[in-house]
N, C-alpha and C. Protein backbone atom coordinates (compact mmCIF):
# COMPACT_ATOMS: atom_id res chain seq x y z
N LEU A 1 52.86 2.43 24.02
CA LEU A 1 52.18 3.27 23.05
C LEU A 1 53.02 3.35 21.79
N MET A 2 52.39 3.21 20.65
CA MET A 2 53.11 3.23 19.37
C MET A 2 52.40 4.18 18.42
N ASP A 3 53.13 5.19 17.98
CA ASP A 3 52.58 6.09 16.97
C ASP A 3 52.63 5.38 15.63
N ILE A 4 51.58 5.51 14.84
CA ILE A 4 51.54 4.83 13.56
C ILE A 4 52.45 5.53 12.54
N LYS A 5 52.48 6.85 12.56
CA LYS A 5 53.30 7.62 11.62
C LYS A 5 54.58 8.05 12.31
N MET A 6 55.70 7.39 11.94
CA MET A 6 57.00 7.74 12.49
C MET A 6 57.96 7.95 11.32
N PRO A 7 59.04 8.70 11.52
CA PRO A 7 59.89 9.07 10.39
C PRO A 7 60.72 7.95 9.77
N VAL A 8 61.30 7.06 10.54
CA VAL A 8 62.19 6.05 9.97
C VAL A 8 61.45 4.75 9.67
N MET A 9 60.68 4.28 10.63
CA MET A 9 59.90 3.05 10.46
C MET A 9 58.49 3.33 10.96
N ASP A 10 57.49 2.95 10.16
CA ASP A 10 56.12 3.20 10.60
C ASP A 10 55.78 2.30 11.79
N GLY A 11 54.80 2.73 12.56
CA GLY A 11 54.42 2.02 13.78
C GLY A 11 53.92 0.60 13.55
N TYR A 12 53.27 0.38 12.42
CA TYR A 12 52.78 -0.95 12.10
C TYR A 12 53.95 -1.93 11.95
N THR A 13 54.97 -1.53 11.20
CA THR A 13 56.14 -2.38 11.00
C THR A 13 56.88 -2.60 12.32
N ALA A 14 57.04 -1.54 13.09
CA ALA A 14 57.70 -1.66 14.40
C ALA A 14 56.94 -2.60 15.32
N ALA A 15 55.61 -2.47 15.34
CA ALA A 15 54.79 -3.34 16.20
C ALA A 15 54.91 -4.80 15.76
N LYS A 16 54.93 -5.05 14.46
CA LYS A 16 55.10 -6.43 13.98
C LYS A 16 56.42 -7.02 14.45
N LYS A 17 57.49 -6.24 14.40
CA LYS A 17 58.80 -6.72 14.83
C LYS A 17 58.82 -6.99 16.34
N ILE A 18 58.18 -6.11 17.11
CA ILE A 18 58.11 -6.29 18.56
C ILE A 18 57.31 -7.55 18.89
N LYS A 19 56.18 -7.74 18.21
CA LYS A 19 55.32 -8.90 18.48
C LYS A 19 56.01 -10.22 18.14
N GLU A 20 56.96 -10.19 17.19
CA GLU A 20 57.72 -11.41 16.88
C GLU A 20 58.57 -11.83 18.08
N ILE A 21 59.06 -10.83 18.82
CA ILE A 21 59.92 -11.10 19.98
C ILE A 21 59.10 -11.27 21.25
N ARG A 22 58.10 -10.41 21.43
CA ARG A 22 57.26 -10.42 22.64
C ARG A 22 55.79 -10.43 22.25
N PRO A 23 55.26 -11.59 21.84
CA PRO A 23 53.88 -11.64 21.32
C PRO A 23 52.81 -11.23 22.32
N ASN A 24 53.08 -11.33 23.61
CA ASN A 24 52.07 -10.99 24.61
C ASN A 24 52.19 -9.56 25.13
N LEU A 25 53.15 -8.81 24.62
CA LEU A 25 53.32 -7.42 25.04
C LEU A 25 52.23 -6.57 24.40
N PRO A 26 51.40 -5.91 25.21
CA PRO A 26 50.35 -5.07 24.63
C PRO A 26 50.95 -3.85 23.94
N ILE A 27 50.49 -3.59 22.73
CA ILE A 27 50.90 -2.39 22.00
C ILE A 27 49.64 -1.61 21.65
N ILE A 28 49.62 -0.38 22.11
CA ILE A 28 48.48 0.50 21.89
C ILE A 28 48.87 1.53 20.83
N ALA A 29 48.16 1.53 19.73
CA ALA A 29 48.43 2.49 18.66
C ALA A 29 47.88 3.85 19.06
N GLN A 30 48.66 4.87 18.77
CA GLN A 30 48.14 6.23 18.91
C GLN A 30 48.29 6.90 17.55
N THR A 31 47.20 7.47 17.10
CA THR A 31 47.20 7.99 15.75
C THR A 31 46.12 9.05 15.55
N ALA A 32 46.37 9.90 14.61
CA ALA A 32 45.35 10.84 14.16
C ALA A 32 44.68 10.28 12.92
N TYR A 33 45.23 9.20 12.39
CA TYR A 33 44.73 8.56 11.17
C TYR A 33 43.91 7.34 11.58
N ALA A 34 42.66 7.56 11.88
CA ALA A 34 41.85 6.47 12.45
C ALA A 34 40.55 6.28 11.68
N THR A 35 40.65 5.77 10.48
CA THR A 35 39.45 5.42 9.73
C THR A 35 39.04 4.00 10.10
N LYS A 36 37.86 3.63 9.70
CA LYS A 36 37.39 2.27 9.95
C LYS A 36 38.32 1.24 9.28
N GLN A 37 38.80 1.58 8.09
CA GLN A 37 39.73 0.68 7.39
C GLN A 37 41.04 0.53 8.16
N ASP A 38 41.50 1.61 8.81
CA ASP A 38 42.72 1.53 9.62
C ASP A 38 42.54 0.55 10.77
N PHE A 39 41.39 0.65 11.44
CA PHE A 39 41.13 -0.27 12.57
C PHE A 39 41.13 -1.72 12.08
N ILE A 40 40.52 -1.96 10.95
CA ILE A 40 40.47 -3.32 10.39
C ILE A 40 41.87 -3.78 9.98
N LYS A 41 42.60 -2.90 9.31
CA LYS A 41 43.94 -3.23 8.81
C LYS A 41 44.92 -3.55 9.94
N TYR A 42 44.85 -2.79 11.03
CA TYR A 42 45.83 -2.91 12.11
C TYR A 42 45.34 -3.73 13.31
N ASN A 43 44.12 -4.19 13.28
CA ASN A 43 43.51 -4.87 14.42
C ASN A 43 44.30 -6.11 14.85
N HIS A 44 44.91 -6.80 13.93
CA HIS A 44 45.61 -8.05 14.28
C HIS A 44 46.97 -7.80 14.93
N ILE A 45 47.49 -6.59 14.87
CA ILE A 45 48.81 -6.33 15.44
C ILE A 45 48.74 -5.46 16.69
N PHE A 46 47.83 -4.49 16.71
CA PHE A 46 47.70 -3.61 17.88
C PHE A 46 46.62 -4.14 18.81
N ASP A 47 46.85 -3.98 20.10
CA ASP A 47 45.90 -4.46 21.10
C ASP A 47 44.80 -3.45 21.39
N ASP A 48 45.04 -2.19 21.05
CA ASP A 48 44.04 -1.15 21.27
C ASP A 48 44.46 0.10 20.51
N TYR A 49 43.60 1.11 20.51
CA TYR A 49 43.85 2.35 19.78
C TYR A 49 43.51 3.56 20.63
N LEU A 50 44.30 4.58 20.48
CA LEU A 50 44.00 5.92 21.00
C LEU A 50 44.03 6.86 19.81
N THR A 51 42.95 7.55 19.58
CA THR A 51 42.93 8.50 18.48
C THR A 51 43.21 9.89 19.02
N LYS A 52 44.05 10.62 18.31
CA LYS A 52 44.42 11.98 18.71
C LYS A 52 43.36 12.95 18.22
N PRO A 53 43.06 13.96 18.97
CA PRO A 53 43.52 14.21 20.33
C PRO A 53 42.75 13.32 21.31
N TYR A 54 43.39 12.94 22.38
CA TYR A 54 42.73 12.11 23.39
C TYR A 54 42.89 12.76 24.76
N SER A 55 41.97 12.40 25.63
CA SER A 55 41.99 12.96 26.99
C SER A 55 42.86 12.09 27.89
N THR A 56 43.30 12.68 28.98
CA THR A 56 44.08 11.89 29.95
C THR A 56 43.22 10.78 30.55
N ASP A 57 41.92 11.02 30.67
CA ASP A 57 41.03 9.97 31.18
C ASP A 57 41.00 8.77 30.24
N LYS A 58 40.92 9.03 28.94
CA LYS A 58 40.89 7.94 27.95
C LYS A 58 42.23 7.21 27.94
N LEU A 59 43.32 7.95 28.03
CA LEU A 59 44.65 7.34 28.09
C LEU A 59 44.76 6.41 29.30
N ALA A 60 44.36 6.89 30.45
CA ALA A 60 44.41 6.08 31.68
C ALA A 60 43.51 4.85 31.56
N GLU A 61 42.34 5.01 30.98
CA GLU A 61 41.41 3.88 30.82
C GLU A 61 42.02 2.77 29.96
N ILE A 62 42.60 3.14 28.86
CA ILE A 62 43.16 2.14 27.95
C ILE A 62 44.40 1.49 28.54
N ILE A 63 45.27 2.27 29.15
CA ILE A 63 46.46 1.69 29.78
C ILE A 63 46.07 0.74 30.90
N ASN A 64 45.15 1.15 31.75
CA ASN A 64 44.69 0.27 32.84
C ASN A 64 44.08 -1.01 32.33
N LYS A 65 43.40 -0.95 31.20
CA LYS A 65 42.78 -2.13 30.61
C LYS A 65 43.83 -3.19 30.26
N HIS A 66 45.04 -2.76 29.92
CA HIS A 66 46.08 -3.68 29.48
C HIS A 66 47.19 -3.93 30.48
N LEU A 67 47.06 -3.35 31.67
CA LEU A 67 48.07 -3.57 32.70
C LEU A 67 47.95 -4.98 33.27
N TYR A 68 49.08 -5.60 33.51
CA TYR A 68 49.09 -6.93 34.10
C TYR A 68 49.75 -6.86 35.46
N PHE A 69 49.09 -7.35 36.46
CA PHE A 69 49.66 -7.44 37.79
C PHE A 69 49.88 -8.90 38.10
N LYS A 70 51.16 -9.30 38.18
CA LYS A 70 51.47 -10.71 38.44
C LYS A 70 52.26 -10.84 39.72
């Protein structure tokens, strides 16, 4: 889970750096800033989104969607 608004480095920049090292690692954005433009802007770096406030059911659904069992 990656918050988009963080104090030192924003989540978008952090996710880009992580994807350079681990391109297949799923990163789920969590944000209260979820406009249609945000989804379009960040779609290529984040694998999914959780908009705040979110329910535990929605959190579980999205995490399960990206879990890998190997």
